[in-house]
PDB file of N, CA and C in Angstrom:
ATOM      1  N   MET A   1      11.486  81.717 -40.067  1.00  0.00           N
ATOM      2  CA  MET A   1      10.886  83.001 -39.964  1.00  0.00           C
ATOM      3  C   MET A   1      11.213  83.725 -38.716  1.00  0.00           C
ATOM      4  N   SER A   2      11.514  84.969 -38.823  1.00  0.00           N
ATOM      5  CA  SER A   2      11.914  85.668 -37.671  1.00  0.00           C
ATOM      6  C   SER A   2      10.801  85.751 -36.591  1.00  0.00           C
ATOM      7  N   GLN A   3      11.304  85.867 -35.385  1.00  0.00           N
ATOM      8  CA  GLN A   3      10.307  85.968 -34.235  1.00  0.00           C
ATOM      9  C   GLN A   3       9.659  87.341 -34.206  1.00  0.00           C
ATOM     10  N   ARG A   4      10.280  88.294 -34.770  1.00  0.00           N
ATOM     11  CA  ARG A   4       9.798  89.673 -34.736  1.00  0.00           C
ATOM     12  C   ARG A   4       8.724  90.048 -35.940  1.00  0.00           C
ATOM     13  N   LEU A   5       8.803  89.096 -36.834  1.00  0.00           N
ATOM     14  CA  LEU A   5       7.875  89.400 -38.011  1.00  0.00           C
ATOM     15  C   LEU A   5       6.421  89.586 -37.747  1.00  0.00           C
ATOM     16  N   PRO A   6       5.801  88.728 -36.775  1.00  0.00           N
ATOM     17  CA  PRO A   6       4.340  88.969 -36.489  1.00  0.00           C
ATOM     18  C   PRO A   6       4.232  90.323 -35.774  1.00  0.00           C
ATOM     19  N   LEU A   7       5.244  90.701 -34.892  1.00  0.00           N
ATOM     20  CA  LEU A   7       5.118  92.079 -34.249  1.00  0.00           C
ATOM     21  C   LEU A   7       5.220  93.256 -35.268  1.00  0.00           C
ATOM     22  N   ILE A   8       6.117  93.047 -36.346  1.00  0.00           N
ATOM     23  CA  ILE A   8       6.179  94.070 -37.405  1.00  0.00           C
ATOM     24  C   ILE A   8       4.935  94.133 -38.168  1.00  0.00           C
ATOM     25  N   ALA A   9       4.433  92.877 -38.458  1.00  0.00           N
ATOM     26  CA  ALA A   9       3.148  92.946 -39.308  1.00  0.00           C
ATOM     27  C   ALA A   9       2.088  93.546 -38.483  1.00  0.00           C
ATOM     28  N   LEU A  10       2.085  93.257 -37.230  1.00  0.00           N
ATOM     29  CA  LEU A  10       0.864  93.902 -36.455  1.00  0.00           C
ATOM     30  C   LEU A  10       1.056  95.407 -36.362  1.00  0.00           C
ATOM     31  N   LEU A  11       2.294  95.840 -36.130  1.00  0.00           N
ATOM     32  CA  LEU A  11       2.525  97.302 -36.062  1.00  0.00           C
ATOM     33  C   LEU A  11       2.262  98.033 -37.324  1.00  0.00           C
ATOM     34  N   LEU A  12       2.436  97.384 -38.424  1.00  0.00           N
ATOM     35  CA  LEU A  12       1.994  97.918 -39.736  1.00  0.00           C
ATOM     36  C   LEU A  12       0.599  97.826 -40.029  1.00  0.00           C
ATOM     37  N   PHE A  13      -0.108  96.835 -39.496  1.00  0.00           N
ATOM     38  CA  PHE A  13      -1.525  96.620 -39.700  1.00  0.00           C
ATOM     39  C   PHE A  13      -2.374  97.497 -39.076  1.00  0.00           C
ATOM     40  N   VAL A  14      -2.087  97.816 -37.650  1.00  0.00           N
ATOM     41  CA  VAL A  14      -2.911  98.565 -36.797  1.00  0.00           C
ATOM     42  C   VAL A  14      -3.135 100.086 -37.297  1.00  0.00           C
ATOM     43  N   PRO A  15      -2.069 100.741 -37.680  1.00  0.00           N
ATOM     44  CA  PRO A  15      -2.349 102.114 -38.200  1.00  0.00           C
ATOM     45  C   PRO A  15      -3.134 102.052 -39.499  1.00  0.00           C
ATOM     46  N   LEU A  16      -2.979 101.114 -40.461  1.00  0.00           N
ATOM     47  CA  LEU A  16      -3.687 101.062 -41.649  1.00  0.00           C
ATOM     48  C   LEU A  16      -5.158 100.763 -41.362  1.00  0.00           C
ATOM     49  N   TRP A  17      -5.464  99.866 -40.353  1.00  0.00           N
ATOM     50  CA  TRP A  17      -6.777  99.551 -40.010  1.00  0.00           C
ATOM     51  C   TRP A  17      -7.361 100.738 -39.325  1.00  0.00           C
ATOM     52  N   LEU A  18      -6.771 101.568 -38.591  1.00  0.00           N
ATOM     53  CA  LEU A  18      -7.249 102.671 -37.904  1.00  0.00           C
ATOM     54  C   LEU A  18      -7.550 103.816 -39.021  1.00  0.00           C
ATOM     55  N   ALA A  19      -6.629 103.899 -40.025  1.00  0.00           N
ATOM     56  CA  ALA A  19      -7.019 104.865 -41.188  1.00  0.00           C
ATOM     57  C   ALA A  19      -8.173 104.471 -41.983  1.00  0.00           C
ATOM     58  N   ALA A  20      -8.300 103.140 -42.157  1.00  0.00           N
ATOM     59  CA  ALA A  20      -9.438 102.588 -42.994  1.00  0.00           C
ATOM     60  C   ALA A  20     -10.682 102.876 -42.162  1.00  0.00           C
ATOM     61  N   SER A  21     -10.680 102.632 -40.865  1.00  0.00           N
ATOM     62  CA  SER A  21     -11.835 102.915 -40.036  1.00  0.00           C
ATOM     63  C   SER A  21     -12.319 104.351 -40.092  1.00  0.00           C
ATOM     64  N   TYR A  22     -11.266 105.254 -39.941  1.00  0.00           N
ATOM     65  CA  TYR A  22     -11.681 106.719 -40.136  1.00  0.00           C
ATOM     66  C   TYR A  22     -12.153 107.121 -41.494  1.00  0.00           C
ATOM     67  N   GLY A  23     -11.637 106.314 -42.480  1.00  0.00           N
ATOM     68  CA  GLY A  23     -12.113 106.571 -43.785  1.00  0.00           C
ATOM     69  C   GLY A  23     -13.599 106.153 -44.031  1.00  0.00           C
ATOM     70  N   VAL A  24     -14.010 105.152 -43.321  1.00  0.00           N
ATOM     71  CA  VAL A  24     -15.393 104.639 -43.325  1.00  0.00           C
ATOM     72  C   VAL A  24     -16.325 105.688 -42.591  1.00  0.00           C
ATOM     73  N   ARG A  25     -15.719 106.219 -41.433  1.00  0.00           N
ATOM     74  CA  ARG A  25     -16.514 107.075 -40.577  1.00  0.00           C
ATOM     75  C   ARG A  25     -16.746 108.333 -41.341  1.00  0.00           C
ATOM     76  N   TYR A  26     -15.696 108.991 -41.832  1.00  0.00           N
ATOM     77  CA  TYR A  26     -15.796 110.327 -42.360  1.00  0.00           C
ATOM     78  C   TYR A  26     -16.223 110.340 -43.972  1.00  0.00           C
ATOM     79  N   GLY A  27     -15.831 109.280 -44.564  1.00  0.00           N
ATOM     80  CA  GLY A  27     -16.023 109.150 -46.046  1.00  0.00           C
ATOM     81  C   GLY A  27     -17.247 108.521 -46.371  1.00  0.00           C
ATOM     82  N   PHE A  28     -17.909 107.807 -45.396  1.00  0.00           N
ATOM     83  CA  PHE A  28     -19.049 106.988 -45.850  1.00  0.00           C
ATOM     84  C   PHE A  28     -20.221 107.391 -44.777  1.00  0.00           C
ATOM     85  N   MET A  29     -20.056 107.289 -43.602  1.00  0.00           N
ATOM     86  CA  MET A  29     -21.091 107.565 -42.589  1.00  0.00           C
ATOM     87  C   MET A  29     -21.354 109.029 -42.354  1.00  0.00           C
ATOM     88  N   GLU A  30     -20.460 109.866 -42.370  1.00  0.00           N
ATOM     89  CA  GLU A  30     -20.818 111.323 -42.046  1.00  0.00           C
ATOM     90  C   GLU A  30     -20.696 112.284 -43.298  1.00  0.00           C
ATOM     91  N   ASP A  31     -20.355 111.690 -44.364  1.00  0.00           N
ATOM     92  CA  ASP A  31     -20.366 112.504 -45.672  1.00  0.00           C
ATOM     93  C   ASP A  31     -21.752 112.937 -46.176  1.00  0.00           C
ATOM     94  N   PRO A  32     -21.940 114.253 -46.240  1.00  0.00           N
ATOM     95  CA  PRO A  32     -23.177 114.829 -46.564  1.00  0.00           C
ATOM     96  C   PRO A  32     -23.620 114.311 -47.824  1.00  0.00           C
ATOM     97  N   GLN A  33     -22.885 113.884 -48.853  1.00  0.00           N
ATOM     98  CA  GLN A  33     -23.318 113.357 -50.158  1.00  0.00           C
ATOM     99  C   GLN A  33     -23.984 112.085 -49.835  1.00  0.00           C
ATOM    100  N   TRP A  34     -23.523 111.266 -49.101  1.00  0.00           N
ATOM    101  CA  TRP A  34     -24.160 109.964 -48.788  1.00  0.00           C
ATOM    102  C   TRP A  34     -25.427 110.141 -47.923  1.00  0.00           C
ATOM    103  N   VAL A  35     -25.358 111.076 -47.043  1.00  0.00           N
ATOM    104  CA  VAL A  35     -26.517 111.428 -46.218  1.00  0.00           C
ATOM    105  C   VAL A  35     -27.794 111.743 -47.141  1.00  0.00           C
ATOM    106  N   GLY A  36     -27.354 112.534 -48.104  1.00  0.00           N
ATOM    107  CA  GLY A  36     -28.433 113.116 -49.045  1.00  0.00           C
ATOM    108  C   GLY A  36     -28.979 112.006 -50.018  1.00  0.00           C
ATOM    109  N   ILE A  37     -27.932 111.158 -50.566  1.00  0.00           N
ATOM    110  CA  ILE A  37     -28.352 110.042 -51.484  1.00  0.00           C
ATOM    111  C   ILE A  37     -29.183 109.073 -50.649  1.00  0.00           C
ATOM    112  N   CYS A  38     -28.878 108.723 -49.470  1.00  0.00           N
ATOM    113  CA  CYS A  38     -29.497 107.691 -48.664  1.00  0.00           C
ATOM    114  C   CYS A  38     -30.800 108.220 -48.143  1.00  0.00           C
ATOM    115  N   SER A  39     -31.041 109.468 -48.048  1.00  0.00           N
ATOM    116  CA  SER A  39     -32.337 109.958 -47.579  1.00  0.00           C
ATOM    117  C   SER A  39     -33.354 109.921 -48.795  1.00  0.00           C
ATOM    118  N   ALA A  40     -32.871 110.074 -49.896  1.00  0.00           N
ATOM    119  CA  ALA A  40     -33.691 110.086 -50.986  1.00  0.00           C
ATOM    120  C   ALA A  40     -34.006 108.797 -51.586  1.00  0.00           C
ATOM    121  N   GLN A  41     -32.915 107.889 -51.798  1.00  0.00           N
ATOM    122  CA  GLN A  41     -33.021 106.635 -52.406  1.00  0.00           C
ATOM    123  C   GLN A  41     -32.469 105.566 -51.444  1.00  0.00           C
ATOM    124  N   VAL A  42     -33.505 104.887 -50.927  1.00  0.00           N
ATOM    125  CA  VAL A  42     -33.060 103.888 -49.914  1.00  0.00           C
ATOM    126  C   VAL A  42     -32.680 102.495 -50.537  1.00  0.00           C
ATOM    127  N   GLN A  43     -32.953 102.295 -51.785  1.00  0.00           N
ATOM    128  CA  GLN A  43     -32.746 101.099 -52.567  1.00  0.00           C
ATOM    129  C   GLN A  43     -31.385 100.825 -53.099  1.00  0.00           C
ATOM    130  N   VAL A  44     -30.534 101.968 -53.043  1.00  0.00           N
ATOM    131  CA  VAL A  44     -29.188 101.689 -53.505  1.00  0.00           C
ATOM    132  C   VAL A  44     -28.437 100.850 -52.551  1.00  0.00           C
ATOM    133  N   TRP A  45     -27.657  99.900 -52.972  1.00  0.00           N
ATOM    134  CA  TRP A  45     -26.919  98.986 -52.314  1.00  0.00           C
ATOM    135  C   TRP A  45     -25.997  99.659 -51.292  1.00  0.00           C
ATOM    136  N   GLU A  46     -25.348 100.684 -51.517  1.00  0.00           N
ATOM    137  CA  GLU A  46     -24.485 101.369 -50.674  1.00  0.00           C
ATOM    138  C   GLU A  46     -25.390 102.021 -49.493  1.00  0.00           C
ATOM    139  N   CYS A  47     -26.549 102.269 -49.719  1.00  0.00           N
ATOM    140  CA  CYS A  47     -27.368 102.814 -48.452  1.00  0.00           C
ATOM    141  C   CYS A  47     -27.824 101.603 -47.644  1.00  0.00           C
ATOM    142  N   GLN A  48     -27.982 100.443 -48.211  1.00  0.00           N
ATOM    143  CA  GLN A  48     -28.301  99.274 -47.374  1.00  0.00           C
ATOM    144  C   GLN A  48     -27.100  98.968 -46.495  1.00  0.00           C
ATOM    145  N   VAL A  49     -25.884  98.933 -47.032  1.00  0.00           N
ATOM    146  CA  VAL A  49     -24.682  98.762 -46.291  1.00  0.00           C
ATOM    147  C   VAL A  49     -24.560  99.846 -45.245  1.00  0.00           C
ATOM    148  N   ARG A  50     -24.774 101.074 -45.513  1.00  0.00           N
ATOM    149  CA  ARG A  50     -24.698 102.231 -44.566  1.00  0.00           C
ATOM    150  C   ARG A  50     -25.711 101.941 -43.482  1.00  0.00           C
ATOM    151  N   SER A  51     -26.911 101.537 -43.802  1.00  0.00           N
ATOM    152  CA  SER A  51     -27.995 101.307 -42.785  1.00  0.00           C
ATOM    153  C   SER A  51     -27.554 100.090 -41.908  1.00  0.00           C
ATOM    154  N   THR A  52     -26.966  99.029 -42.433  1.00  0.00           N
ATOM    155  CA  THR A  52     -26.597  97.975 -41.600  1.00  0.00           C
ATOM    156  C   THR A  52     -25.520  98.239 -40.664  1.00  0.00           C
ATOM    157  N   LEU A  53     -24.556  99.003 -41.221  1.00  0.00           N
ATOM    158  CA  LEU A  53     -23.427  99.460 -40.393  1.00  0.00           C
ATOM    159  C   LEU A  53     -24.012 100.479 -39.318  1.00  0.00           C
ATOM    160  N   GLY A  54     -24.964 101.169 -39.529  1.00  0.00           N
ATOM    161  CA  GLY A  54     -25.614 102.052 -38.511  1.00  0.00           C
ATOM    162  C   GLY A  54     -26.191 101.237 -37.343  1.00  0.00           C
ATOM    163  N   LEU A  55     -26.893 100.167 -37.826  1.00  0.00           N
ATOM    164  CA  LEU A  55     -27.602  99.288 -36.790  1.00  0.00           C
ATOM    165  C   LEU A  55     -26.463  98.644 -36.107  1.00  0.00           C
ATOM    166  N   THR A  56     -25.381  98.193 -36.646  1.00  0.00           N
ATOM    167  CA  THR A  56     -24.182  97.612 -35.956  1.00  0.00           C
ATOM    168  C   THR A  56     -23.775  98.590 -34.856  1.00  0.00           C
ATOM    169  N   ILE A  57     -23.638  99.929 -35.283  1.00  0.00           N
ATOM    170  CA  ILE A  57     -23.061 100.938 -34.277  1.00  0.00           C
ATOM    171  C   ILE A  57     -24.113 101.130 -33.231  1.00  0.00           C
ATOM    172  N   HIS A  58     -25.376 101.280 -33.563  1.00  0.00           N
ATOM    173  CA  HIS A  58     -26.468 101.455 -32.598  1.00  0.00           C
ATOM    174  C   HIS A  58     -26.458 100.386 -31.551  1.00  0.00           C
ATOM    175  N   PHE A  59     -26.356  99.117 -31.910  1.00  0.00           N
ATOM    176  CA  PHE A  59     -26.500  97.995 -30.943  1.00  0.00           C
ATOM    177  C   PHE A  59     -25.074  97.633 -30.327  1.00  0.00           C
ATOM    178  N   ARG A  60     -24.060  98.323 -30.779  1.00  0.00           N
ATOM    179  CA  ARG A  60     -22.696  98.164 -30.262  1.00  0.00           C
ATOM    180  C   ARG A  60     -22.278  96.736 -30.465  1.00  0.00           C
ATOM    181  N   ILE A  61     -22.506  96.195 -31.667  1.00  0.00           N
ATOM    182  CA  ILE A  61     -22.115  94.821 -31.961  1.00  0.00           C
ATOM    183  C   ILE A  61     -20.566  94.612 -31.924  1.00  0.00           C
ATOM    184  N   LEU A  62     -19.856  95.594 -32.626  1.00  0.00           N
ATOM    185  CA  LEU A  62     -18.436  95.482 -32.901  1.00  0.00           C
ATOM    186  C   LEU A  62     -17.679  95.635 -31.521  1.00  0.00           C
ATOM    187  N   ALA A  63     -18.199  96.555 -30.611  1.00  0.00           N
ATOM    188  CA  ALA A  63     -17.705  96.755 -29.316  1.00  0.00           C
ATOM    189  C   ALA A  63     -17.850  95.489 -28.426  1.00  0.00           C
ATOM    190  N   TRP A  64     -19.000  94.964 -28.409  1.00  0.00           N
ATOM    191  CA  TRP A  64     -19.275  93.734 -27.603  1.00  0.00           C
ATOM    192  C   TRP A  64     -18.432  92.490 -28.153  1.00  0.00           C
ATOM    193  N   LEU A  65     -18.420  92.427 -29.444  1.00  0.00           N
ATOM    194  CA  LEU A  65     -17.617  91.210 -29.999  1.00  0.00           C
ATOM    195  C   LEU A  65     -16.124  91.504 -29.570  1.00  0.00           C
ATOM    196  N   ALA A  66     -15.703  92.679 -29.745  1.00  0.00           N
ATOM    197  CA  ALA A  66     -14.229  92.853 -29.398  1.00  0.00           C
ATOM    198  C   ALA A  66     -14.004  92.594 -27.909  1.00  0.00           C
ATOM    199  N   LEU A  67     -14.884  92.985 -27.063  1.00  0.00           N
ATOM    200  CA  LEU A  67     -14.703  92.843 -25.668  1.00  0.00           C
ATOM    201  C   LEU A  67     -14.788  91.293 -25.343  1.00  0.00           C
ATOM    202  N   GLY A  68     -15.752  90.622 -25.986  1.00  0.00           N
ATOM    203  CA  GLY A  68     -15.827  89.145 -25.674  1.00  0.00           C
ATOM    204  C   GLY A  68     -14.546  88.423 -26.131  1.00  0.00           C
ATOM    205  N   LEU A  69     -14.034  88.705 -27.388  1.00  0.00           N
ATOM    206  CA  LEU A  69     -12.859  88.140 -27.863  1.00  0.00           C
ATOM    207  C   LEU A  69     -11.708  88.460 -26.914  1.00  0.00           C
ATOM    208  N   ALA A  70     -11.604  89.739 -26.407  1.00  0.00           N
ATOM    209  CA  ALA A  70     -10.496  90.105 -25.633  1.00  0.00           C
ATOM    210  C   ALA A  70     -10.552  89.331 -24.229  1.00  0.00           C
ATOM    211  N   LEU A  71     -11.719  89.242 -23.766  1.00  0.00           N
ATOM    212  CA  LEU A  71     -11.841  88.470 -22.397  1.00  0.00           C
ATOM    213  C   LEU A  71     -11.516  87.059 -22.647  1.00  0.00           C
ATOM    214  N   VAL A  72     -12.028  86.366 -23.679  1.00  0.00           N
ATOM    215  CA  VAL A  72     -11.748  84.997 -23.874  1.00  0.00           C
ATOM    216  C   VAL A  72     -10.226  84.783 -24.144  1.00  0.00           C
ATOM    217  N   GLY A  73      -9.673  85.730 -24.962  1.00  0.00           N
ATOM    218  CA  GLY A  73      -8.278  85.593 -25.377  1.00  0.00           C
ATOM    219  C   GLY A  73      -7.411  85.912 -24.109  1.00  0.00           C
ATOM    220  N   THR A  74      -7.766  86.493 -22.996  1.00  0.00           N
ATOM    221  CA  THR A  74      -7.047  86.641 -21.818  1.00  0.00           C
ATOM    222  C   THR A  74      -6.855  85.382 -21.132  1.00  0.00           C
ATOM    223  N   PHE A  75      -7.921  84.577 -21.199  1.00  0.00           N
ATOM    224  CA  PHE A  75      -7.833  83.224 -20.437  1.00  0.00           C
ATOM    225  C   PHE A  75      -7.390  82.054 -21.171  1.00  0.00           C
ATOM    226  N   VAL A  76      -7.268  82.275 -22.587  1.00  0.00           N
ATOM    227  CA  VAL A  76      -6.819  81.172 -23.323  1.00  0.00           C
ATOM    228  C   VAL A  76      -5.317  81.274 -23.490  1.00  0.00           C
ATOM    229  N   ALA A  77      -4.660  80.205 -23.460  1.00  0.00           N
ATOM    230  CA  ALA A  77      -3.127  80.092 -23.388  1.00  0.00           C
ATOM    231  C   ALA A  77      -2.531  80.130 -24.849  1.00  0.00           C
ATOM    232  N   HIS A  78      -1.327  80.355 -24.918  1.00  0.00           N
ATOM    233  CA  HIS A  78      -0.500  80.197 -26.036  1.00  0.00           C
ATOM    234  C   HIS A  78      -0.969  80.982 -27.199  1.00  0.00           C
ATOM    235  N   ARG A  79      -0.732  80.333 -28.461  1.00  0.00           N
ATOM    236  CA  ARG A  79      -1.012  81.056 -29.828  1.00  0.00           C
ATOM    237  C   ARG A  79      -2.531  81.386 -29.937  1.00  0.00           C
ATOM    238  N   ALA A  80      -3.364  80.549 -29.525  1.00  0.00           N
ATOM    239  CA  ALA A  80      -4.812  80.798 -29.664  1.00  0.00           C
ATOM    240  C   ALA A  80      -5.220  81.983 -28.972  1.00  0.00           C
ATOM    241  N   GLY A  81      -4.640  82.319 -27.771  1.00  0.00           N
ATOM    242  CA  GLY A  81      -5.018  83.516 -27.095  1.00  0.00           C
ATOM    243  C   GLY A  81      -4.521  84.765 -27.777  1.00  0.00           C
ATOM    244  N   ARG A  82      -3.392  84.687 -28.270  1.00  0.00           N
ATOM    245  CA  ARG A  82      -2.830  85.728 -29.148  1.00  0.00           C
ATOM    246  C   ARG A  82      -3.623  86.023 -30.253  1.00  0.00           C
ATOM    247  N   TRP A  83      -4.075  85.058 -31.004  1.00  0.00           N
ATOM    248  CA  TRP A  83      -4.964  85.204 -32.232  1.00  0.00           C
ATOM    249  C   TRP A  83      -6.258  85.812 -31.821  1.00  0.00           C
ATOM    250  N   LEU A  84      -6.886  85.408 -30.563  1.00  0.00           N
ATOM    251  CA  LEU A  84      -8.112  86.095 -30.168  1.00  0.00           C
ATOM    252  C   LEU A  84      -7.855  87.432 -29.786  1.00  0.00           C
ATOM    253  N   ALA A  85      -6.810  87.800 -29.249  1.00  0.00           N
ATOM    254  CA  ALA A  85      -6.400  89.206 -29.050  1.00  0.00           C
ATOM    255  C   ALA A  85      -6.306  90.049 -30.218  1.00  0.00           C
ATOM    256  N   VAL A  86      -5.571  89.491 -31.283  1.00  0.00           N
ATOM    257  CA  VAL A  86      -5.520  90.192 -32.571  1.00  0.00           C
ATOM    258  C   VAL A  86      -7.031  90.358 -33.265  1.00  0.00           C
ATOM    259  N   LEU A  87      -7.806  89.387 -33.125  1.00  0.00           N
ATOM    260  CA  LEU A  87      -9.216  89.517 -33.596  1.00  0.00           C
ATOM    261  C   LEU A  87      -9.913  90.622 -32.710  1.00  0.00           C
ATOM    262  N   ALA A  88      -9.753  90.616 -31.425  1.00  0.00           N
ATOM    263  CA  ALA A  88     -10.280  91.646 -30.676  1.00  0.00           C
ATOM    264  C   ALA A  88      -9.875  93.009 -31.021  1.00  0.00           C
ATOM    265  N   LEU A  89      -8.580  93.238 -31.475  1.00  0.00           N
ATOM    266  CA  LEU A  89      -8.119  94.490 -32.035  1.00  0.00           C
ATOM    267  C   LEU A  89      -8.830  94.877 -33.325  1.00  0.00           C
ATOM    268  N   VAL A  90      -8.911  93.730 -34.177  1.00  0.00           N
ATOM    269  CA  VAL A  90      -9.561  93.964 -35.487  1.00  0.00           C
ATOM    270  C   VAL A  90     -10.989  94.504 -35.331  1.00  0.00           C
ATOM    271  N   ALA A  91     -11.673  94.037 -34.317  1.00  0.00           N
ATOM    272  CA  ALA A  91     -13.085  94.472 -34.019  1.00  0.00           C
ATOM    273  C   ALA A  91     -13.074  95.714 -33.252  1.00  0.00           C
ATOM    274  N   GLY A  92     -12.145  95.841 -32.305  1.00  0.00           N
ATOM    275  CA  GLY A  92     -12.119  96.958 -31.416  1.00  0.00           C
ATOM    276  C   GLY A  92     -11.742  98.291 -31.991  1.00  0.00           C
ATOM    277  N   ILE A  93     -10.809  98.254 -32.884  1.00  0.00           N
ATOM    278  CA  ILE A  93     -10.379  99.605 -33.444  1.00  0.00           C
ATOM    279  C   ILE A  93     -11.473 100.287 -34.225  1.00  0.00           C
ATOM    280  N   PRO A  94     -12.243  99.588 -35.104  1.00  0.00           N
ATOM    281  CA  PRO A  94     -13.338 100.357 -35.687  1.00  0.00           C
ATOM    282  C   PRO A  94     -14.484 100.672 -34.738  1.00  0.00           C
ATOM    283  N   ALA A  95     -14.579  99.831 -33.609  1.00  0.00           N
ATOM    284  CA  ALA A  95     -15.589 100.260 -32.609  1.00  0.00           C
ATOM    285  C   ALA A  95     -15.177 101.495 -31.938  1.00  0.00           C
ATOM    286  N   LEU A  96     -13.943 101.619 -31.681  1.00  0.00           N
ATOM    287  CA  LEU A  96     -13.497 102.955 -31.049  1.00  0.00           C
ATOM    288  C   LEU A  96     -13.749 104.046 -31.979  1.00  0.00           C
ATOM    289  N   VAL A  97     -13.501 103.966 -33.259  1.00  0.00           N
ATOM    290  CA  VAL A  97     -13.670 105.069 -34.184  1.00  0.00           C
ATOM    291  C   VAL A  97     -15.227 105.276 -34.545  1.00  0.00           C
ATOM    292  N   LEU A  98     -15.989 104.215 -34.540  1.00  0.00           N
ATOM    293  CA  LEU A  98     -17.379 104.340 -34.996  1.00  0.00           C
ATOM    294  C   LEU A  98     -18.326 104.539 -33.715  1.00  0.00           C
ATOM    295  N   TYR A  99     -18.021 105.464 -32.851  1.00  0.00           N
ATOM    296  CA  TYR A  99     -18.989 105.940 -31.838  1.00  0.00           C
ATOM    297  C   TYR A  99     -19.248 104.970 -30.717  1.00  0.00           C
ATOM    298  N   THR A 100     -18.518 103.984 -30.497  1.00  0.00           N
ATOM    299  CA  THR A 100     -18.841 102.966 -29.355  1.00  0.00           C
ATOM    300  C   THR A 100     -17.466 102.954 -28.460  1.00  0.00           C
ATOM    301  N   ALA A 101     -16.845 104.011 -28.163  1.00  0.00           N
ATOM    302  CA  ALA A 101     -15.582 103.970 -27.577  1.00  0.00           C
ATOM    303  C   ALA A 101     -15.707 103.589 -26.101  1.00  0.00           C
ATOM    304  N   SER A 102     -16.882 103.753 -25.449  1.00  0.00           N
ATOM    305  CA  SER A 102     -17.085 103.534 -24.015  1.00  0.00           C
ATOM    306  C   SER A 102     -16.842 101.984 -23.663  1.00  0.00           C
ATOM    307  N   ILE A 103     -17.133 101.061 -24.595  1.00  0.00           N
ATOM    308  CA  ILE A 103     -17.035  99.653 -24.366  1.00  0.00           C
ATOM    309  C   ILE A 103     -15.709  99.216 -25.049  1.00  0.00           C
ATOM    310  N   ALA A 104     -15.511  99.668 -26.309  1.00  0.00           N
ATOM    311  CA  ALA A 104     -14.336  99.238 -27.138  1.00  0.00           C
ATOM    312  C   ALA A 104     -12.993  99.515 -26.401  1.00  0.00           C
ATOM    313  N   VAL A 105     -12.909 100.657 -25.730  1.00  0.00           N
ATOM    314  CA  VAL A 105     -11.542 100.892 -25.037  1.00  0.00           C
ATOM    315  C   VAL A 105     -11.174  99.909 -24.181  1.00  0.00           C
ATOM    316  N   PHE A 106     -12.080  99.157 -23.383  1.00  0.00           N
ATOM    317  CA  PHE A 106     -11.631  98.075 -22.593  1.00  0.00           C
ATOM    318  C   PHE A 106     -11.230  96.907 -23.306  1.00  0.00           C
ATOM    319  N   ALA A 107     -11.905  96.749 -24.510  1.00  0.00           N
ATOM    320  CA  ALA A 107     -11.565  95.560 -25.443  1.00  0.00           C
ATOM    321  C   ALA A 107     -10.105  95.773 -25.910  1.00  0.00           C
ATOM    322  N   VAL A 108      -9.965  96.951 -26.379  1.00  0.00           N
ATOM    323  CA  VAL A 108      -8.605  97.280 -27.024  1.00  0.00           C
ATOM    324  C   VAL A 108      -7.407  97.189 -25.918  1.00  0.00           C
ATOM    325  N   VAL A 109      -7.683  97.699 -24.737  1.00  0.00           N
ATOM    326  CA  VAL A 109      -6.593  97.614 -23.694  1.00  0.00           C
ATOM    327  C   VAL A 109      -6.462  96.153 -23.340  1.00  0.00           C
ATOM    328  N   LEU A 110      -7.464  95.420 -23.124  1.00  0.00           N
ATOM    329  CA  LEU A 110      -7.214  93.937 -22.806  1.00  0.00           C
ATOM    330  C   LEU A 110      -6.555  93.205 -23.973  1.00  0.00           C
ATOM    331  N   ALA A 111      -6.872  93.532 -25.129  1.00  0.00           N
ATOM    332  CA  ALA A 111      -6.208  92.758 -26.211  1.00  0.00           C
ATOM    333  C   ALA A 111      -4.856  93.196 -26.230  1.00  0.00           C
ATOM    334  N   GLY A 112      -4.512  94.486 -26.048  1.00  0.00           N
ATOM    335  CA  GLY A 112      -3.124  94.881 -25.994  1.00  0.00           C
ATOM    336  C   GLY A 112      -2.340  94.234 -24.887  1.00  0.00           C
ATOM    337  N   LEU A 113      -2.910  94.183 -23.706  1.00  0.00           N
ATOM    338  CA  LEU A 113      -2.293  93.516 -22.596  1.00  0.00           C
ATOM    339  C   LEU A 113      -2.031  92.060 -22.840  1.00  0.00           C
ATOM    340  N   ARG A 114      -2.858  91.425 -23.539  1.00  0.00           N
ATOM    341  CA  ARG A 114      -2.620  89.998 -23.917  1.00  0.00           C
ATOM    342  C   ARG A 114      -1.598  89.850 -24.824  1.00  0.00           C
ATOM    343  N   LEU A 115      -1.496  90.820 -25.811  1.00  0.00           N
ATOM    344  CA  LEU A 115      -0.420  90.720 -26.757  1.00  0.00           C
ATOM    345  C   LEU A 115       0.931  90.929 -26.238  1.00  0.00           C
ATOM    346  N   VAL A 116       0.996  91.700 -25.236  1.00  0.00           N
ATOM    347  CA  VAL A 116       2.457  92.014 -24.681  1.00  0.00           C
ATOM    348  C   VAL A 116       2.789  91.064 -23.506  1.00  0.00           C
ATOM    349  N   ARG A 117       1.813  90.185 -23.083  1.00  0.00           N
ATOM    350  CA  ARG A 117       2.089  89.200 -21.992  1.00  0.00           C
ATOM    351  C   ARG A 117       3.016  88.142 -22.514  1.00  0.00           C
ATOM    352  N   ARG A 118       4.044  87.679 -21.657  1.00  0.00           N
ATOM    353  CA  ARG A 118       5.036  86.699 -22.005  1.00  0.00           C
ATOM    354  C   ARG A 118       4.484  85.389 -21.722  1.00  0.00           C
ATOM    355  N   ALA A 119       4.832  84.491 -22.572  1.00  0.00           N
ATOM    356  CA  ALA A 119       4.394  83.086 -22.453  1.00  0.00           C
ATOM    357  C   ALA A 119       5.239  82.436 -21.363  1.00  0.00           C
ATOM    358  N   ARG A 120       4.721  81.566 -20.622  1.00  0.00           N
ATOM    359  CA  ARG A 120       5.386  80.892 -19.555  1.00  0.00           C
ATOM    360  C   ARG A 120       5.993  79.654 -19.899  1.00  0.00           C
TER     361      ARG A 120
END
């Protein structure tokens, strides 16, 4: 396996994950159609998912999760630290897009710094 393959996979994954996060924000959370449906019928399962995501945003769960993973990944050595940094990016990118940028920006920067750090 090439040593660059994980880097290439990450560089392909991050823009796709960012686009999917924006799709959730503008196609599901802010879409007037879903706002109207969920204000009238709360029993639809999509509205329950939207409500749970709204609570996740309100309590900043994704942002704190990303920050915790990035902090732990900074101090963990070798491959495990890199994987924690990737998981921090997975949680941090949607947190940036979904209204919790104040905390998530630190998580994404820490995760990025961990990913570019050379192994000793």
